[in-house]
């Protein structure tokens, strides 16, 4: 109670000071959010750096400042976020083969179209519990795809239903038949057991009102209409594995790799990599990221080959490591009713990481 009285007294004195110096109440309204954002950043730099980073980002957008320490801290945070923790106790992975004949062959003869990525991260829910890691996950994954794999990316943070569908609709107009699209979603999800339907929940979703929910049927029908050769949906949300149709993964012999990669690239695929099946998934547990996002990032940065399929990324990095660290079982399968025919999404690394 004493703390509240003290805070109220400080706010009152600040208000009087502003009036004495001729400042409008509008200026005071602008000052207060900036002060709150800055204090949140300062208080959480060590205890909760994700919250601190979000507050600092918003502070820089709204508030004129010359705080070099804040910008230096943000740069250090982003640098740390881009370096996924190497799994223990495994040995350090070998450097990706930059000059392998496999990479040259695939780049010259397989990859034809352009690569696009829509990356969505929702933390600040208006009527549902806030999440902690979705925005950070989205920012880092967008950067990795853009800088290391040459994707043309679009980042949506705290997106509503309309923004999500507008972005997907734009790809229907822009993409050609040989292009590839990756859609990454991190946020709340829901499974309606009575209707047997799965949903993504945008930030304006309400618990008892499905009007603003994004259904799996809406996602797949829009993806089916996109004129791309490959579409991969990566969904880090609860119950995200309920929108697939089953298909087993078949290991590939090394000697058949060139033929395999050509077959995967020339097919038409619509696939889903889900952080869990019909179950809740963890928001956190991955050193500042969700368990799934951390492993996904590790795969993108540590995969030995410079070209690989989505199923190889899932099999070699995601499947066992996520299930071993959390009570969730990730899945990789074609999307139901999405126009999937054959093949798989093929990643091609454009920039080979240097040895540390």
Protein backbone atom coordinates (compact mmCIF):
# COMPACT_ATOMS: atom_id res chain seq x y z
CA UNK A 1 0.00 0.00 0.00
CA UNK A 2 2.85 2.37 0.82
CA UNK A 3 4.44 1.56 -2.54
CA UNK A 4 1.22 2.45 -4.35
CA UNK A 5 0.91 5.77 -2.48
CA UNK A 6 4.52 6.56 -3.27
CA UNK A 7 4.01 5.83 -6.98
CA UNK A 8 0.82 7.92 -7.08
CA UNK A 9 2.62 10.85 -5.44
CA UNK A 10 5.44 10.68 -8.01
CA UNK A 11 2.98 10.59 -10.92
CA UNK A 12 1.06 13.54 -9.47
CA UNK A 13 4.22 15.61 -9.00
CA UNK A 14 5.34 14.84 -12.55
CA UNK A 15 1.96 15.93 -13.88
CA UNK A 16 2.16 19.24 -11.98
CA UNK A 17 5.71 19.82 -13.27
CA UNK A 18 4.60 19.30 -16.87
CA UNK A 19 1.76 21.79 -16.43
CA UNK A 20 4.11 24.37 -14.91
CA UNK A 21 6.44 24.13 -17.89
CA UNK A 22 3.55 24.51 -20.31
CA UNK A 23 3.49 20.92 -21.63
CA UNK A 24 0.20 19.47 -22.80
CA UNK A 25 -1.42 16.36 -21.35
CA UNK A 26 -0.75 14.75 -24.75
CA UNK A 27 2.98 15.16 -24.18
CA UNK A 28 2.59 13.58 -20.75
CA UNK A 29 0.68 10.65 -22.26
CA UNK A 30 3.58 10.10 -24.63
CA UNK A 31 6.17 10.40 -21.84
CA UNK A 32 4.61 7.84 -19.57
CA UNK A 33 4.67 4.88 -22.03
CA UNK A 34 8.30 5.65 -22.89
CA UNK A 35 9.26 5.69 -19.22
CA UNK A 36 7.45 2.41 -18.58
CA UNK A 37 9.02 0.73 -21.61
CA UNK A 38 12.50 1.86 -20.61
CA UNK A 39 12.05 0.72 -17.02
CA UNK A 40 10.80 -2.69 -18.20
CA UNK A 41 13.89 -3.00 -20.39
CA UNK A 42 16.25 -2.06 -17.54
CA UNK A 43 14.60 -4.32 -14.96
CA UNK A 44 14.57 -7.43 -17.14
CA UNK A 45 17.91 -7.42 -18.95
CA UNK A 46 19.27 -10.25 -16.83
CA UNK A 47 16.20 -11.94 -15.36
CA UNK A 48 14.10 -12.06 -18.54
CA UNK A 49 16.02 -10.83 -21.61
CA UNK A 50 13.18 -11.69 -24.03
CA UNK A 51 10.84 -9.27 -22.24
CA UNK A 52 13.63 -6.69 -22.10
CA UNK A 53 14.26 -7.01 -25.83
CA UNK A 54 10.58 -6.56 -26.69
CA UNK A 55 10.35 -3.44 -24.51
CA UNK A 56 13.57 -2.02 -25.95
CA UNK A 57 12.36 -2.59 -29.50
CA UNK A 58 9.08 -0.79 -28.81
CA UNK A 59 10.96 1.97 -26.95
CA UNK A 60 13.14 2.68 -30.00
CA UNK A 61 10.08 2.85 -32.24
CA UNK A 62 8.15 5.31 -30.09
CA UNK A 63 10.62 7.38 -28.16
CA UNK A 64 13.41 9.70 -29.40
CA UNK A 65 16.58 8.81 -27.52
CA UNK A 66 20.37 8.67 -27.62
CA UNK A 67 20.89 5.74 -25.28
CA UNK A 68 23.94 3.98 -26.72
CA UNK A 69 23.91 1.41 -23.93
CA UNK A 70 20.41 0.25 -24.95
CA UNK A 71 21.39 -0.20 -28.59
CA UNK A 72 24.62 -1.95 -27.61
CA UNK A 73 22.66 -4.35 -25.38
CA UNK A 74 20.16 -5.08 -28.19
CA UNK A 75 23.00 -5.85 -30.60
CA UNK A 76 24.53 -8.25 -28.07
CA UNK A 77 21.15 -9.91 -27.47
CA UNK A 78 20.56 -10.44 -31.20
CA UNK A 79 24.06 -11.82 -31.67
CA UNK A 80 23.52 -14.35 -28.88
CA UNK A 81 20.10 -15.27 -30.25
CA UNK A 82 21.55 -16.15 -33.64
CA UNK A 83 23.86 -18.77 -32.14
CA UNK A 84 21.84 -21.83 -31.12
CA UNK A 85 23.39 -23.85 -28.31
CA UNK A 86 25.17 -26.95 -29.58
CA UNK A 87 23.56 -30.09 -28.15
CA UNK A 88 25.39 -31.92 -25.38
CA UNK A 89 27.21 -34.26 -25.19
CA UNK A 90 27.50 -34.59 -28.95
CA UNK A 91 30.73 -33.65 -30.65
CA UNK A 92 30.89 -30.39 -32.59
CA UNK A 93 29.45 -30.87 -36.07
CA UNK A 94 31.69 -30.62 -39.08
CA UNK A 95 31.79 -27.46 -41.14
CA UNK A 96 29.23 -27.60 -43.99
CA UNK A 97 30.81 -28.69 -47.25
CA UNK A 98 31.06 -25.43 -49.15
CA UNK A 99 32.82 -26.81 -52.21
CA UNK A 100 31.15 -30.21 -52.51
CA UNK A 101 30.05 -31.46 -55.92
CA UNK A 102 26.68 -32.17 -54.38
CA UNK A 103 26.06 -28.49 -53.67
CA UNK A 104 27.15 -27.38 -57.12
CA UNK A 105 25.03 -30.05 -58.78
CA UNK A 106 21.91 -29.25 -56.82
CA UNK A 107 22.31 -25.50 -57.23
CA UNK A 108 22.85 -25.76 -60.97
CA UNK A 109 20.31 -28.43 -61.87
CA UNK A 110 17.65 -28.58 -59.20
CA UNK A 111 16.89 -25.20 -57.69
CA UNK A 112 15.05 -23.08 -60.24
CA UNK A 113 12.57 -20.78 -58.53
CA UNK A 114 12.74 -18.14 -55.83
CA UNK A 115 12.33 -18.66 -52.11
CA UNK A 116 9.84 -16.78 -49.92
CA UNK A 117 9.04 -16.95 -46.21
CA UNK A 118 6.15 -15.60 -44.16
CA UNK A 119 7.19 -15.66 -40.47
CA UNK A 120 4.55 -15.00 -37.79
CA UNK A 121 5.24 -14.60 -34.07
CA UNK A 122 2.45 -13.76 -31.60
CA UNK A 123 3.15 -12.90 -27.96
CA UNK A 124 0.89 -10.00 -26.97
CA UNK A 125 -2.54 -11.61 -26.91
CA UNK A 126 -5.36 -9.25 -26.06
CA UNK A 127 -7.75 -11.75 -24.43
CA UNK A 128 -5.60 -14.87 -23.96
CA UNK A 129 -2.48 -15.53 -21.83
CA UNK A 130 0.60 -13.83 -23.25
CA UNK A 131 3.43 -15.96 -24.61
CA UNK A 132 7.12 -15.37 -23.90
CA UNK A 133 9.16 -16.69 -26.81
CA UNK A 134 7.09 -16.53 -30.02
CA UNK A 135 8.28 -13.09 -31.14
CA UNK A 136 11.93 -13.84 -30.44
CA UNK A 137 11.64 -17.16 -32.29
CA UNK A 138 10.09 -15.44 -35.29
CA UNK A 139 12.70 -12.67 -35.46
CA UNK A 140 15.66 -15.04 -35.38
CA UNK A 141 14.19 -17.56 -37.82
CA UNK A 142 13.31 -14.78 -40.27
CA UNK A 143 16.89 -13.51 -40.13
CA UNK A 144 18.44 -16.95 -40.64
CA UNK A 145 16.21 -17.70 -43.64
CA UNK A 146 16.94 -14.32 -45.20
CA UNK A 147 20.68 -14.07 -44.54
CA UNK A 148 21.83 -17.68 -44.86
CA UNK A 149 19.31 -19.16 -47.29
CA UNK A 150 18.42 -16.22 -49.50
CA UNK A 151 14.70 -16.14 -48.74
CA UNK A 152 12.67 -13.02 -49.44
CA UNK A 153 10.96 -12.71 -46.06
CA UNK A 154 7.97 -11.01 -44.48
CA UNK A 155 7.85 -10.78 -40.67
CA UNK A 156 4.51 -10.40 -38.88
CA UNK A 157 4.61 -9.78 -35.13
CA UNK A 158 1.46 -9.86 -32.99
CA UNK A 159 -0.65 -10.37 -36.10
CA UNK A 160 -4.43 -10.44 -36.27
CA UNK A 161 -6.51 -12.67 -38.52
CA UNK A 162 -6.81 -10.06 -41.26
CA UNK A 163 -3.05 -9.41 -41.44
CA UNK A 164 -2.31 -13.14 -41.69
CA UNK A 165 -4.73 -13.72 -44.56
CA UNK A 166 -3.70 -10.57 -46.38
CA UNK A 167 -0.10 -11.75 -46.36
CA UNK A 168 -0.99 -15.25 -47.60
CA UNK A 169 -3.25 -13.78 -50.29
CA UNK A 170 -0.39 -11.65 -51.63
CA UNK A 171 1.64 -14.78 -52.30
CA UNK A 172 -1.16 -16.07 -54.54
CA UNK A 173 -0.48 -13.06 -56.77
CA UNK A 174 3.33 -12.98 -56.59
CA UNK A 175 4.59 -16.56 -56.75
CA UNK A 176 5.34 -18.54 -59.91
CA UNK A 177 5.06 -22.27 -60.50
CA UNK A 178 8.73 -22.97 -59.64
CA UNK A 179 8.88 -20.86 -56.46
CA UNK A 180 8.95 -22.16 -52.88
CA UNK A 181 7.15 -20.71 -49.85
CA UNK A 182 7.76 -21.37 -46.15
CA UNK A 183 5.14 -20.24 -43.62
CA UNK A 184 6.31 -20.23 -39.98
CA UNK A 185 3.79 -19.68 -37.19
CA UNK A 186 4.55 -19.35 -33.48
CA UNK A 187 1.62 -18.60 -31.21
CA UNK A 188 -1.44 -20.06 -29.52
CA UNK A 189 -3.35 -22.91 -31.13
CA UNK A 190 -6.62 -24.69 -30.35
CA UNK A 191 -8.30 -27.97 -31.26
CA UNK A 192 -12.09 -28.10 -31.23
CA UNK A 193 -12.77 -31.72 -30.30
CA UNK A 194 -16.48 -31.56 -31.09
CA UNK A 195 -15.93 -30.16 -34.58
CA UNK A 196 -12.58 -31.97 -35.00
CA UNK A 197 -10.96 -28.81 -36.32
CA UNK A 198 -7.62 -27.20 -35.53
CA UNK A 199 -6.99 -23.46 -35.33
CA UNK A 200 -4.24 -20.88 -35.08
CA UNK A 201 -5.20 -18.09 -32.68
CA UNK A 202 -4.22 -14.56 -33.80
CA UNK A 203 -3.62 -11.90 -31.17
CA UNK A 204 -7.21 -10.61 -31.44
CA UNK A 205 -8.73 -14.07 -30.80
CA UNK A 206 -11.19 -14.50 -27.92
CA UNK A 207 -11.49 -17.72 -25.97
CA UNK A 208 -15.23 -18.36 -26.51
CA UNK A 209 -15.60 -16.68 -29.91
CA UNK A 210 -14.13 -18.37 -32.98
CA UNK A 211 -14.89 -15.46 -35.33
CA UNK A 212 -11.24 -14.36 -35.43
CA UNK A 213 -9.65 -17.80 -35.28
CA UNK A 214 -7.69 -19.13 -38.26
CA UNK A 215 -8.84 -22.65 -39.09
CA UNK A 216 -6.73 -25.38 -40.64
CA UNK A 217 -9.25 -25.55 -43.47
CA UNK A 218 -8.67 -21.86 -44.24
CA UNK A 219 -4.90 -22.35 -44.20
CA UNK A 220 -4.89 -25.38 -46.49
CA UNK A 221 -7.44 -23.97 -48.97
CA UNK A 222 -5.36 -20.81 -49.37
CA UNK A 223 -2.13 -22.76 -49.69
CA UNK A 224 -3.71 -25.03 -52.29
CA UNK A 225 -4.39 -21.96 -54.44
CA UNK A 226 -0.81 -20.62 -54.27
CA UNK A 227 0.92 -21.39 -57.60
CA UNK A 228 4.21 -22.51 -56.02
CA UNK A 229 6.01 -25.79 -56.50
CA UNK A 230 6.66 -26.28 -52.79
CA UNK A 231 4.97 -24.93 -49.67
CA UNK A 232 6.18 -25.86 -46.18
CA UNK A 233 4.15 -24.83 -43.13
CA UNK A 234 6.14 -24.90 -39.88
CA UNK A 235 3.74 -24.62 -36.97
CA UNK A 236 4.95 -24.14 -33.39
CA UNK A 237 1.62 -24.09 -31.58
CA UNK A 238 -0.63 -26.35 -29.53
CA UNK A 239 -2.51 -29.05 -31.47
CA UNK A 240 -0.76 -28.10 -34.72
CA UNK A 241 -0.21 -31.72 -35.74
CA UNK A 242 -3.93 -32.30 -36.29
CA UNK A 243 -3.94 -30.69 -39.77
CA UNK A 244 -1.92 -33.31 -41.62
CA UNK A 245 -2.50 -36.61 -43.37
CA UNK A 246 -0.11 -39.42 -42.49
CA UNK A 247 2.94 -40.36 -44.54
CA UNK A 248 6.01 -42.25 -43.39
CA UNK A 249 9.54 -40.93 -43.89
CA UNK A 250 11.83 -43.05 -46.03
CA UNK A 251 15.62 -42.86 -45.41
CA UNK A 252 17.71 -42.24 -48.52
CA UNK A 253 20.94 -44.01 -49.46
CA UNK A 254 23.91 -41.69 -49.97
CA UNK A 255 24.69 -43.08 -53.40
CA UNK A 256 21.21 -42.15 -54.64
CA UNK A 257 21.27 -38.61 -53.31
CA UNK A 258 21.46 -36.65 -56.57
CA UNK A 259 18.55 -38.57 -58.03
CA UNK A 260 16.63 -38.21 -54.77
CA UNK A 261 17.14 -34.43 -54.58
CA UNK A 262 16.04 -34.00 -58.18
CA UNK A 263 12.90 -36.06 -57.52
CA UNK A 264 12.08 -34.07 -54.38
CA UNK A 265 12.55 -30.72 -56.13
CA UNK A 266 10.58 -31.51 -59.29
CA UNK A 267 7.49 -32.76 -57.44
CA UNK A 268 4.72 -30.55 -56.09
CA UNK A 269 4.62 -30.63 -52.30
CA UNK A 270 2.50 -29.13 -49.53
CA UNK A 271 3.94 -30.27 -46.20
CA UNK A 272 3.61 -29.51 -42.49
CA UNK A 273 6.28 -29.62 -39.80
CA UNK A 274 4.45 -29.41 -36.48
CA UNK A 275 5.94 -28.96 -33.04
CA UNK A 276 3.42 -31.42 -31.58
CA UNK A 277 0.46 -33.59 -32.42
CA UNK A 278 -2.95 -33.26 -30.77
CA UNK A 279 -1.39 -31.90 -27.57
CA UNK A 280 -0.16 -28.72 -25.87
CA UNK A 281 3.43 -27.63 -26.64
CA UNK A 282 6.00 -25.80 -24.53
CA UNK A 283 6.47 -22.02 -24.65
CA UNK A 284 10.09 -21.92 -23.55
CA UNK A 285 12.65 -24.49 -22.45
CA UNK A 286 15.07 -23.71 -25.29
CA UNK A 287 17.40 -21.08 -23.80
CA UNK A 288 15.24 -18.08 -24.72
CA UNK A 289 13.31 -19.95 -27.40
CA UNK A 290 10.67 -22.64 -27.41
CA UNK A 291 12.08 -26.18 -27.43
CA UNK A 292 10.93 -26.66 -31.01
CA UNK A 293 12.28 -23.32 -32.30
CA UNK A 294 15.69 -23.91 -30.71
CA UNK A 295 16.05 -27.30 -32.39
CA UNK A 296 14.74 -25.95 -35.71
CA UNK A 297 17.34 -23.16 -35.59
CA UNK A 298 20.06 -25.63 -34.69
CA UNK A 299 19.17 -27.70 -37.74
CA UNK A 300 19.25 -24.69 -40.06
CA UNK A 301 22.68 -23.61 -38.79
CA UNK A 302 24.35 -26.99 -38.19
CA UNK A 303 23.12 -29.19 -41.04
CA UNK A 304 26.23 -30.57 -42.74
CA UNK A 305 24.90 -30.54 -46.29
CA UNK A 306 24.33 -27.25 -48.07
CA UNK A 307 21.15 -28.62 -49.65
CA UNK A 308 18.64 -30.81 -47.82
CA UNK A 309 14.94 -31.53 -47.63
CA UNK A 310 12.45 -30.60 -44.97
CA UNK A 311 12.07 -34.26 -44.03
CA UNK A 312 15.85 -34.57 -43.54
CA UNK A 313 15.88 -31.50 -41.31
CA UNK A 314 13.04 -33.02 -39.30
CA UNK A 315 14.57 -36.49 -39.09
CA UNK A 316 18.15 -35.45 -38.29
CA UNK A 317 17.43 -32.64 -35.81
CA UNK A 318 13.83 -32.04 -34.82
CA UNK A 319 12.14 -35.38 -34.22
CA UNK A 320 14.11 -36.95 -31.38
CA UNK A 321 15.47 -33.78 -29.79
CA UNK A 322 12.08 -32.14 -29.29
CA UNK A 323 10.41 -35.31 -28.03
CA UNK A 324 13.35 -35.90 -25.68
CA UNK A 325 13.18 -32.43 -24.10
CA UNK A 326 9.42 -31.86 -23.79
CA UNK A 327 6.11 -33.70 -23.50
CA UNK A 328 5.31 -33.23 -27.17
CA UNK A 329 5.83 -35.31 -30.30
CA UNK A 330 6.71 -33.34 -33.44
CA UNK A 331 5.41 -34.51 -36.81
CA UNK A 332 6.25 -34.06 -40.49
CA UNK A 333 3.61 -34.94 -43.07
CA UNK A 334 1.78 -33.66 -46.15
CA UNK A 335 -0.99 -31.17 -45.46
CA UNK A 336 -4.46 -32.62 -45.76
CA UNK A 337 -6.50 -31.43 -48.79
CA UNK A 338 -3.78 -29.01 -49.86
CA UNK A 339 -2.92 -30.31 -53.33
CA UNK A 340 0.16 -32.26 -52.26
CA UNK A 341 1.35 -34.63 -55.00
CA UNK A 342 4.98 -35.64 -54.44
CA UNK A 343 8.42 -34.33 -53.58
CA UNK A 344 9.51 -32.21 -50.63
CA UNK A 345 10.64 -28.72 -49.69
CA UNK A 346 14.37 -28.28 -50.47
CA UNK A 347 16.56 -25.88 -48.48
CA UNK A 348 19.70 -24.53 -50.19
CA UNK A 349 22.20 -22.64 -48.07
CA UNK A 350 23.40 -19.45 -49.80
CA UNK A 351 26.00 -18.39 -47.25
CA UNK A 352 28.19 -21.00 -45.57
CA UNK A 353 28.93 -20.16 -41.90
CA UNK A 354 32.61 -19.71 -41.11
CA UNK A 355 34.45 -21.76 -38.52
CA UNK A 356 34.21 -20.16 -35.06
